[in-house]
Amino acid sequence: MSIKSPIEAMYVAGKQDIPAEAELVSGIANRLYDHLQSLDVQAARAGDPAIMRSMLSIGGQVYDVMRGTVVSLDHCASSIIKTADDFVATDEDAASDYQHLGTGLKTLDVPTHQVPPALPDPSQPGAVDPNQPTRMGQGDFQPHDPVVIGSTPDPVDPDTDHDQRDQTEQQDQQQTPVVPPVVER
């Protein structure tokens, strides 16, 4: 077991440990983002039941916290490195400890993580499906434009649906003129 100086501990934390945690949280947040978008589309197609909207609301809040955590961890790592650099520049003991650090730790950059994208409020009815291309006309698709999916309306009562179909059929029969068949001689 080796004894680490406070300067070494600061550099290890700022260049390795905290960025590793930020990477972990970022990966989880990105997977959660994909799953929330998928669930949002499914909820819209199912008529946006309250239970699914509640799940999406909670998931959206968790996602926002994770997204903020990635930013905070990156800022924390950067702050620790800047503080350690300042100690090395202004304190003889810290400068001496820095000279004994391995080259790998000295030259290691502080990684920053791409902030996961903002998530539209998934608790609202309807959804945006970024994976489904938009039809642009004569069979052409625009692959990068997301499709907005409205909430599926509540189903119609079967008796009401039956009555509406009967009315439509009667109207069609009344409006369609009867043409006698042509008989050839």
Protein backbone atom coordinates (compact mmCIF):
# COMPACT_ATOMS: atom_id res chain seq x y z
CA MET A 1 0.00 0.00 0.00
CA SER A 2 1.37 3.38 -0.92
CA ILE A 3 0.71 6.64 0.82
CA LYS A 4 -0.63 9.29 -1.49
CA SER A 5 0.09 12.93 -0.94
CA PRO A 6 -2.88 15.31 -0.93
CA ILE A 7 -1.73 16.61 -4.31
CA GLU A 8 -1.63 13.11 -5.78
CA ALA A 9 -5.08 12.37 -4.32
CA MET A 10 -6.43 15.58 -5.86
CA TYR A 11 -5.06 14.73 -9.31
CA VAL A 12 -6.31 11.14 -9.11
CA ALA A 13 -9.76 12.36 -8.08
CA GLY A 14 -9.92 15.12 -10.71
CA LYS A 15 -8.43 13.20 -13.63
CA GLN A 16 -9.58 9.62 -12.99
CA ASP A 17 -12.13 8.95 -10.27
CA ILE A 18 -14.66 11.75 -10.78
CA PRO A 19 -14.56 11.54 -14.62
CA ALA A 20 -15.16 7.78 -14.35
CA GLU A 21 -18.30 8.43 -12.30
CA ALA A 22 -19.41 11.11 -14.77
CA GLU A 23 -18.98 8.58 -17.59
CA LEU A 24 -21.09 6.05 -15.72
CA VAL A 25 -23.89 8.54 -15.02
CA SER A 26 -23.74 9.83 -18.59
CA GLY A 27 -24.16 6.32 -19.98
CA ILE A 28 -27.13 5.62 -17.74
CA ALA A 29 -28.71 8.99 -18.62
CA ASN A 30 -28.34 8.33 -22.35
CA ARG A 31 -29.99 4.91 -22.02
CA LEU A 32 -32.78 6.41 -19.89
CA TYR A 33 -33.30 9.10 -22.55
CA ASP A 34 -33.83 6.45 -25.24
CA HIS A 35 -36.19 4.44 -23.05
CA LEU A 36 -38.23 7.50 -22.06
CA GLN A 37 -38.66 8.50 -25.70
CA SER A 38 -39.80 4.98 -26.57
CA LEU A 39 -42.23 4.86 -23.64
CA ASP A 40 -43.55 8.31 -24.58
CA VAL A 41 -44.39 7.09 -28.09
CA GLN A 42 -46.04 3.95 -26.70
CA ALA A 43 -48.05 6.00 -24.21
CA ALA A 44 -49.29 8.35 -26.95
CA ARG A 45 -50.34 5.42 -29.09
CA ALA A 46 -52.14 3.88 -26.10
CA GLY A 47 -54.16 7.06 -25.50
CA ASP A 48 -51.86 8.53 -22.83
CA PRO A 49 -53.12 6.62 -19.80
CA ALA A 50 -52.53 8.45 -16.52
CA ILE A 51 -50.24 5.74 -15.13
CA MET A 52 -47.92 5.99 -18.14
CA ARG A 53 -47.89 9.80 -17.96
CA SER A 54 -46.99 9.55 -14.25
CA MET A 55 -44.17 7.14 -15.03
CA LEU A 56 -42.92 9.47 -17.75
CA SER A 57 -43.08 12.45 -15.42
CA ILE A 58 -41.01 10.69 -12.76
CA GLY A 59 -38.61 9.34 -15.40
CA GLY A 60 -38.20 12.84 -16.84
CA GLN A 61 -37.35 14.23 -13.41
CA VAL A 62 -34.81 11.47 -12.77
CA TYR A 63 -33.29 12.11 -16.22
CA ASP A 64 -32.97 15.85 -15.52
CA VAL A 65 -31.16 15.11 -12.24
CA MET A 66 -28.77 12.70 -13.96
CA ARG A 67 -28.14 15.19 -16.74
CA GLY A 68 -27.27 17.87 -14.18
CA THR A 69 -25.08 15.41 -12.30
CA VAL A 70 -22.87 14.87 -15.36
CA VAL A 71 -22.32 18.64 -15.65
CA SER A 72 -21.66 18.97 -11.90
CA LEU A 73 -19.16 16.11 -11.87
CA ASP A 74 -17.26 17.60 -14.82
CA HIS A 75 -17.16 20.99 -13.07
CA CYS A 76 -16.04 19.35 -9.82
CA ALA A 77 -13.19 17.50 -11.55
CA SER A 78 -12.07 20.67 -13.28
CA SER A 79 -12.19 22.64 -10.01
CA ILE A 80 -10.11 20.05 -8.16
CA ILE A 81 -7.47 20.06 -10.91
CA LYS A 82 -7.30 23.88 -10.96
CA THR A 83 -7.00 23.94 -7.17
CA ALA A 84 -4.22 21.32 -7.25
CA ASP A 85 -2.44 23.29 -10.00
CA ASP A 86 -2.66 26.42 -7.85
CA PHE A 87 -1.22 24.57 -4.83
CA VAL A 88 1.65 23.26 -6.98
CA ALA A 89 2.36 26.78 -8.24
CA THR A 90 2.26 28.44 -4.81
CA ASP A 91 3.36 25.82 -2.25
CA GLU A 92 6.83 24.23 -2.07
CA ASP A 93 5.61 20.96 -0.50
CA ALA A 94 2.90 20.63 -3.13
CA ALA A 95 5.44 21.33 -5.89
CA SER A 96 7.75 18.68 -4.45
CA ASP A 97 4.88 16.16 -4.26
CA TYR A 98 3.96 16.99 -7.85
CA GLN A 99 7.51 16.19 -9.02
CA HIS A 100 7.13 12.67 -7.62
CA LEU A 101 3.90 11.96 -9.50
CA GLY A 102 4.00 9.53 -12.38
CA THR A 103 4.15 11.01 -15.87
CA GLY A 104 0.88 9.34 -16.81
CA LEU A 105 -1.05 11.22 -14.14
CA LYS A 106 0.68 14.52 -14.93
CA THR A 107 -0.11 14.38 -18.64
CA LEU A 108 -3.61 12.93 -18.33
CA ASP A 109 -6.20 15.41 -19.55
CA VAL A 110 -9.36 16.08 -17.60
CA PRO A 111 -12.08 14.52 -19.71
CA THR A 112 -15.32 16.37 -20.18
CA HIS A 113 -18.48 14.60 -21.12
CA GLN A 114 -21.05 15.58 -23.66
CA VAL A 115 -24.12 16.67 -21.75
CA PRO A 116 -27.02 14.37 -22.56
CA PRO A 117 -29.65 16.15 -24.67
CA ALA A 118 -32.54 18.00 -23.10
CA LEU A 119 -35.69 15.93 -22.94
CA PRO A 120 -39.02 17.55 -23.83
CA ASP A 121 -41.53 17.21 -20.99
CA PRO A 122 -42.56 13.58 -21.37
CA SER A 123 -45.54 14.00 -19.03
CA GLN A 124 -47.46 15.91 -21.72
CA PRO A 125 -49.88 14.01 -23.99
CA GLY A 126 -48.60 13.02 -27.41
CA ALA A 127 -45.02 12.28 -28.33
CA VAL A 128 -42.22 12.99 -30.74
CA ASP A 129 -40.74 9.91 -32.41
CA PRO A 130 -37.21 10.83 -33.53
CA ASN A 131 -36.69 7.37 -35.05
CA GLN A 132 -39.54 7.50 -37.57
CA PRO A 133 -38.77 9.43 -40.77
CA THR A 134 -41.16 12.06 -42.06
CA ARG A 135 -42.79 11.48 -45.46
CA MET A 136 -41.97 14.48 -47.65
CA GLY A 137 -44.21 13.82 -50.63
CA GLN A 138 -43.72 11.49 -53.60
CA GLY A 139 -42.36 8.65 -51.47
CA ASP A 140 -39.36 10.69 -50.28
CA PHE A 141 -38.43 10.51 -46.63
CA GLN A 142 -36.59 13.09 -44.59
CA PRO A 143 -34.64 10.93 -42.10
CA HIS A 144 -33.80 13.63 -39.56
CA ASP A 145 -37.18 15.24 -38.97
CA PRO A 146 -39.00 13.64 -36.05
CA VAL A 147 -42.64 12.64 -36.34
CA VAL A 148 -45.12 14.14 -33.91
CA ILE A 149 -47.55 11.53 -32.66
CA GLY A 150 -50.82 12.78 -31.24
CA SER A 151 -52.48 11.03 -28.37
CA THR A 152 -54.74 8.23 -29.57
CA PRO A 153 -58.32 9.19 -28.76
CA ASP A 154 -60.41 7.08 -26.43
CA PRO A 155 -62.14 4.24 -28.22
CA VAL A 156 -65.71 4.71 -29.40
CA ASP A 157 -68.41 2.67 -27.70
CA PRO A 158 -69.21 -0.33 -29.96
CA ASP A 159 -72.96 0.49 -30.02
CA THR A 160 -72.26 4.10 -31.02
CA ASP A 161 -69.80 2.93 -33.67
CA HIS A 162 -72.39 0.46 -35.04
CA ASP A 163 -75.08 3.16 -35.22
CA GLN A 164 -72.69 5.58 -36.99
CA ARG A 165 -71.76 2.92 -39.56
CA ASP A 166 -75.46 2.16 -40.19
CA GLN A 167 -76.20 5.85 -40.71
CA THR A 168 -73.27 6.25 -43.08
CA GLU A 169 -74.33 3.19 -45.05
CA GLN A 170 -77.92 4.45 -45.35
CA GLN A 171 -76.71 7.87 -46.52
CA ASP A 172 -74.48 6.25 -49.12
CA GLN A 173 -77.38 4.16 -50.42
CA GLN A 174 -79.64 7.21 -50.65
CA GLN A 175 -77.05 9.31 -52.45
CA THR A 176 -75.91 6.66 -54.91
CA PRO A 177 -78.13 6.73 -57.98
CA VAL A 178 -79.19 3.36 -59.22
CA VAL A 179 -78.03 2.92 -62.78
CA PRO A 180 -79.83 0.23 -64.74
CA PRO A 181 -77.56 -2.30 -66.31
CA VAL A 182 -76.78 -1.90 -69.97
CA VAL A 183 -78.13 -4.76 -72.01
CA GLU A 184 -76.58 -5.33 -75.39
CA ARG A 185 -78.76 -6.65 -78.22
